[in-house]
Protein backbone atom coordinates (compact mmCIF):
# COMPACT_ATOMS: atom_id res chain seq x y z
CA MET A 1 0.14 -0.16 -0.06
CA LYS A 2 1.04 3.27 -0.85
CA ASP A 3 2.63 5.70 1.52
CA TYR A 4 0.05 9.09 1.75
CA LYS A 5 2.40 11.97 2.32
CA ILE A 6 1.14 14.92 3.84
CA ALA A 7 1.78 18.58 4.12
CA VAL A 8 1.30 20.38 7.73
CA LEU A 9 0.84 24.32 7.56
CA ILE A 10 0.55 25.73 10.54
CA ASP A 11 -0.97 29.03 10.93
CA ALA A 12 0.15 30.01 14.78
CA ASP A 13 -1.53 33.19 15.10
CA ASN A 14 -4.76 30.96 14.96
CA VAL A 15 -4.36 27.87 16.40
CA PRO A 16 -3.30 26.93 20.02
CA TYR A 17 0.08 26.10 20.67
CA SER A 18 -0.97 23.62 24.16
CA ASN A 19 -1.83 19.94 22.05
CA VAL A 20 0.85 19.97 19.43
CA ARG A 21 1.45 16.58 20.26
CA GLU A 22 -2.13 14.99 19.86
CA MET A 23 -2.18 17.41 16.80
CA LEU A 24 0.69 15.39 14.78
CA GLU A 25 -0.74 11.74 16.28
CA GLU A 26 -3.87 12.62 14.55
CA ILE A 27 -2.39 13.74 11.11
CA THR A 28 -0.96 9.69 11.25
CA LYS A 29 -3.80 8.68 11.23
CA ASN A 30 -4.23 9.70 8.04
CA GLY A 31 -0.75 9.59 6.35
CA ILE A 32 2.79 10.17 6.71
CA PRO A 33 3.39 14.59 7.99
CA THR A 34 6.32 15.26 5.14
CA ILE A 35 6.31 18.24 5.49
CA LYS A 36 5.84 20.03 8.69
CA ARG A 37 6.33 23.93 8.56
CA ILE A 38 4.67 26.69 10.56
CA TYR A 39 4.26 30.27 10.08
CA ALA A 40 4.30 33.55 12.49
CA ASP A 41 6.00 36.57 12.96
CA TRP A 42 8.76 35.11 15.49
CA THR A 43 9.44 38.68 16.91
CA LYS A 44 6.03 38.62 18.89
CA ARG A 45 5.22 37.67 22.01
CA THR A 46 2.18 36.19 21.40
CA VAL A 47 3.56 33.18 19.66
CA SER A 48 6.17 32.67 22.36
CA GLY A 49 4.45 29.74 23.64
CA TRP A 50 5.02 27.59 20.47
CA LYS A 51 8.61 28.07 20.33
CA SER A 52 9.35 25.33 23.38
CA VAL A 53 7.49 22.75 20.91
CA LEU A 54 8.99 22.73 17.92
CA LEU A 55 12.20 21.11 18.13
CA GLU A 56 10.56 18.02 19.84
CA ASN A 57 8.13 17.79 17.27
CA ALA A 58 10.08 18.58 14.05
CA ILE A 59 8.31 21.58 12.76
CA THR A 60 10.46 24.32 10.40
CA PRO A 61 9.46 28.13 11.79
CA ILE A 62 8.95 30.27 8.77
CA GLN A 63 9.33 33.50 9.97
CA GLN A 64 7.32 36.28 8.35
CA TYR A 65 7.34 39.94 9.60
CA SER A 66 4.14 41.97 9.96
CA TYR A 67 4.88 45.13 7.41
CA THR A 68 1.50 46.48 8.70
CA ARG A 69 -0.17 47.07 11.40
CA GLY A 70 -3.17 44.83 11.96
CA LYS A 71 -2.31 42.80 8.89
CA ASN A 72 -1.46 39.20 9.08
CA SER A 73 1.13 38.61 6.31
CA SER A 74 1.92 34.79 7.58
CA ASP A 75 -1.53 34.06 5.81
CA SER A 76 0.16 34.71 2.35
CA ALA A 77 3.72 33.26 3.33
CA LEU A 78 1.40 29.97 3.97
CA ILE A 79 -0.50 30.29 0.73
CA ILE A 80 2.59 30.39 -1.35
CA ASP A 81 4.62 28.00 0.25
CA ALA A 82 1.40 25.62 -0.28
CA MET A 83 1.45 26.40 -3.84
CA ASP A 84 4.93 25.56 -4.41
CA ILE A 85 4.30 22.52 -2.69
CA LEU A 86 1.60 21.65 -4.63
CA TYR A 87 3.48 22.09 -8.08
CA SER A 88 6.31 20.00 -6.56
CA GLU A 89 3.85 16.78 -6.45
CA ARG A 90 6.16 15.98 -3.37
CA VAL A 91 2.96 14.93 -1.34
CA ASP A 92 -0.33 13.62 -1.94
CA GLY A 93 -2.48 15.94 0.59
CA PHE A 94 -2.50 19.01 3.01
CA CYS A 95 -3.20 19.50 6.53
CA ILE A 96 -4.12 23.23 7.34
CA VAL A 97 -4.15 24.42 10.93
CA SER A 98 -6.04 27.25 11.38
CA SER A 99 -9.12 28.42 12.71
CA ASP A 100 -8.89 31.50 9.87
CA SER A 101 -11.49 31.64 7.15
CA ASP A 102 -8.65 33.49 4.72
CA PHE A 103 -7.26 29.50 4.11
CA THR A 104 -10.66 28.89 2.36
CA ARG A 105 -10.17 29.54 -1.34
CA LEU A 106 -6.52 28.22 -0.57
CA ALA A 107 -8.03 24.71 0.43
CA ILE A 108 -10.36 24.85 -2.11
CA ARG A 109 -8.11 25.43 -4.96
CA LEU A 110 -5.90 22.40 -3.15
CA ARG A 111 -9.25 19.90 -3.99
CA GLU A 112 -9.55 21.33 -7.25
CA ALA A 113 -5.72 19.85 -8.14
CA GLY A 114 -7.07 16.27 -6.33
CA MET A 115 -5.26 16.77 -3.62
CA LYS A 116 -6.50 15.32 -0.29
CA VAL A 117 -7.06 19.01 1.98
CA ILE A 118 -7.65 18.24 5.89
CA GLY A 119 -8.22 20.48 7.92
CA MET A 120 -7.69 21.45 11.93
CA GLY A 121 -8.80 24.43 13.87
CA GLU A 122 -11.18 25.30 17.09
CA LYS A 123 -14.54 24.88 17.40
CA LYS A 124 -14.71 28.79 16.25
CA THR A 125 -13.79 28.46 12.85
CA PRO A 126 -15.82 29.57 10.06
CA THR A 127 -18.23 27.13 8.36
CA PRO A 128 -16.75 28.53 4.98
CA PHE A 129 -13.17 26.99 6.06
CA ILE A 130 -14.81 23.71 7.10
CA THR A 131 -16.78 22.94 4.52
CA ALA A 132 -14.16 23.73 1.93
CA CYS A 133 -12.09 20.81 3.76
CA GLU A 134 -12.62 16.73 2.69
CA LYS A 135 -12.17 16.90 6.67
CA PHE A 136 -12.17 18.61 9.56
CA ILE A 137 -11.12 17.99 12.42
CA TYR A 138 -11.73 20.76 16.06
CA LEU A 139 -8.96 20.64 18.08
CA GLU A 140 -11.51 20.73 20.92
CA ILE A 141 -11.12 16.73 20.94
CA LEU A 142 -7.90 15.90 20.75
CA LYS A 143 -6.93 16.14 23.99
CA GLN A 144 -9.52 14.53 26.43
CA PRO A 145 -9.18 15.26 30.23
CA THR A 146 -6.72 12.49 31.94
CA GLY A 147 -8.69 10.32 34.96
CA LYS A 148 -8.09 12.42 37.42
CA GLU A 149 -9.67 16.00 35.54
CA GLU A 150 -12.20 13.78 34.55
CA SER A 151 -13.57 12.61 37.97
CA GLU A 152 -12.90 16.20 39.22
CA GLY A 153 -15.33 17.59 36.33
CA VAL A 154 -17.68 15.11 37.46
CA LYS A 155 -17.51 16.23 40.98
CA LYS A 156 -18.39 20.10 39.54
CA GLY A 157 -20.78 19.37 37.52
CA LYS A 158 -18.95 20.59 34.30
CA LEU A 159 -18.47 16.43 32.60
CA LYS A 160 -20.69 14.17 32.25
CA PRO A 161 -19.61 10.10 33.12
CA GLY A 162 -20.76 7.95 30.27
CA LYS A 163 -19.61 4.05 30.14
CA GLU A 164 -18.52 4.05 26.24
CA GLY A 165 -18.37 7.54 25.52
CA LEU A 166 -15.96 10.36 26.17
CA THR A 167 -16.93 13.10 28.46
CA SER A 168 -16.73 16.86 27.01
CA PRO A 169 -18.82 16.56 23.89
CA LEU A 170 -18.62 19.96 21.67
CA ASN A 171 -22.25 18.92 20.27
CA LYS A 172 -25.37 17.57 21.13
CA ILE A 173 -27.32 14.54 19.87
CA ASP A 174 -31.06 15.92 19.22
CA ALA A 175 -33.52 15.46 16.70
CA ASP A 176 -32.03 16.87 13.72
CA PHE A 177 -28.51 15.27 14.21
CA ILE A 178 -30.40 12.05 14.60
CA ARG A 179 -32.46 12.92 11.43
CA PHE A 180 -28.99 13.31 9.72
CA LEU A 181 -28.04 10.20 10.62
CA THR A 182 -31.43 8.23 9.35
CA THR A 183 -31.71 9.88 6.05
CA SER A 184 -27.88 8.97 5.64
CA SER A 185 -28.51 5.23 6.06
CA SER A 186 -31.79 5.73 4.14
CA ASP A 187 -29.57 6.71 0.98
CA LEU A 188 -27.87 3.79 1.60
CA ALA A 189 -29.48 0.76 2.89
CA ASP A 190 -30.28 -2.14 0.68
CA GLU A 191 -33.99 -3.56 0.06
CA ASN A 192 -34.21 -4.86 3.35
CA GLY A 193 -33.33 -1.76 5.00
CA TRP A 194 -29.97 -2.79 6.61
CA THR A 195 -26.28 -0.40 5.76
CA PHE A 196 -22.58 -1.23 6.58
CA LEU A 197 -21.74 0.74 8.99
CA GLY A 198 -18.17 1.66 7.25
CA ASP A 199 -20.44 3.07 4.37
CA LEU A 200 -22.23 5.03 6.41
CA GLY A 201 -19.32 6.74 7.90
CA ASN A 202 -17.37 7.29 4.97
CA LEU A 203 -20.86 8.96 3.68
CA LEU A 204 -21.40 11.37 6.96
CA LEU A 205 -18.24 12.54 6.44
CA LYS A 206 -18.85 13.74 2.36
CA LYS A 207 -21.69 14.72 3.71
CA LYS A 208 -20.40 16.98 6.50
CA ALA A 209 -16.76 17.89 6.31
CA ASP A 210 -16.22 18.30 10.76
CA PHE A 211 -18.59 14.84 10.97
CA ASP A 212 -16.50 13.14 13.80
CA PRO A 213 -18.32 10.70 16.59
CA ARG A 214 -15.78 12.36 19.13
CA ASN A 215 -17.45 15.72 18.33
CA TYR A 216 -20.61 14.15 20.60
CA GLY A 217 -18.58 12.07 23.33
CA PHE A 218 -18.17 8.88 21.52
CA PRO A 219 -15.06 7.63 20.20
CA LYS A 220 -16.45 5.56 17.62
CA LEU A 221 -19.52 5.23 15.49
CA LEU A 222 -20.83 2.02 16.70
CA PRO A 223 -21.46 3.35 20.26
CA LEU A 224 -23.26 7.39 19.29
CA ILE A 225 -24.76 5.09 17.47
CA LYS A 226 -26.41 2.98 19.83
CA SER A 227 -27.00 6.43 21.97
CA THR A 228 -29.94 7.15 19.31
CA ASN A 229 -32.25 4.47 20.04
CA ALA A 230 -33.28 4.82 16.69
CA PHE A 231 -31.42 1.68 15.04
CA GLU A 232 -31.18 -2.00 15.19
CA ILE A 233 -27.67 -3.31 14.90
CA ASP A 234 -27.00 -6.87 13.66
CA GLN A 235 -22.81 -7.58 14.28
CA LYS A 236 -21.73 -10.61 11.85
CA GLU A 237 -18.15 -12.43 13.13
CA VAL A 238 -15.74 -12.51 9.44
CA SER A 239 -12.81 -13.94 11.95
CA LYS A 240 -11.54 -14.39 14.99
CA ASN A 241 -10.31 -10.41 15.36
CA SER A 242 -13.20 -8.87 12.37
CA ARG A 243 -16.86 -8.21 12.25
CA HIS A 244 -19.61 -6.41 9.81
CA ILE A 245 -21.80 -4.11 11.67
CA TYR A 246 -24.91 -3.53 10.08
CA ILE A 247 -27.50 -1.02 11.06
CA LYS A 248 -31.19 -0.63 10.74
CA ILE A 249 -34.13 1.94 11.56
CA LYS A 250 -36.80 1.36 13.80
């Protein structure tokens, strides 16, 4: 199987540095980060927190001075580099780490060129940039609370304990979301109404670039589906370590 090479381009002005390790671990689920660059005016105190994590994560800092007050010149530097990398044909995809909508057109252009584009940013990221990416991952779900932090959060009423799920969901499971699941399942169902769970997961991501079970407090799609009580579930053992899961609307 071909190794999928990804260029990781980080806008230091618009994302936090606190979960860099988790961010890079998440990217490796989609391929190999062969180019890792981060853009900022490193003379500013506002980005000083990044400096301590660059060496240990092998991220190359790109200096870009702010020529005009109030303007973010690192955006243009990132875009120019992205196009240079695109034409060099050294990668198969890009991961743009930013919460800034200014990269919307870049994401669209890269996808037009046949590149896979993954976006990463905070929950506040504007919708145009999210939808321009093939997949968008919220940084808040990458670093879940530890056992001790979780216990304290539950005691204070800030977190809810869950048997199969995580404890700090970003989104609620409401009627609209369940309708999104059931409609998507119907789109793929066979003549008996059964849908293969793996196919459903792919379709949900195509319909909604920022879809991720972790946004709703669950590590995987199956426990999320179970929590809705809207589906019948049939699990078929294929081998000792493999099974096929099908769902059907009740």
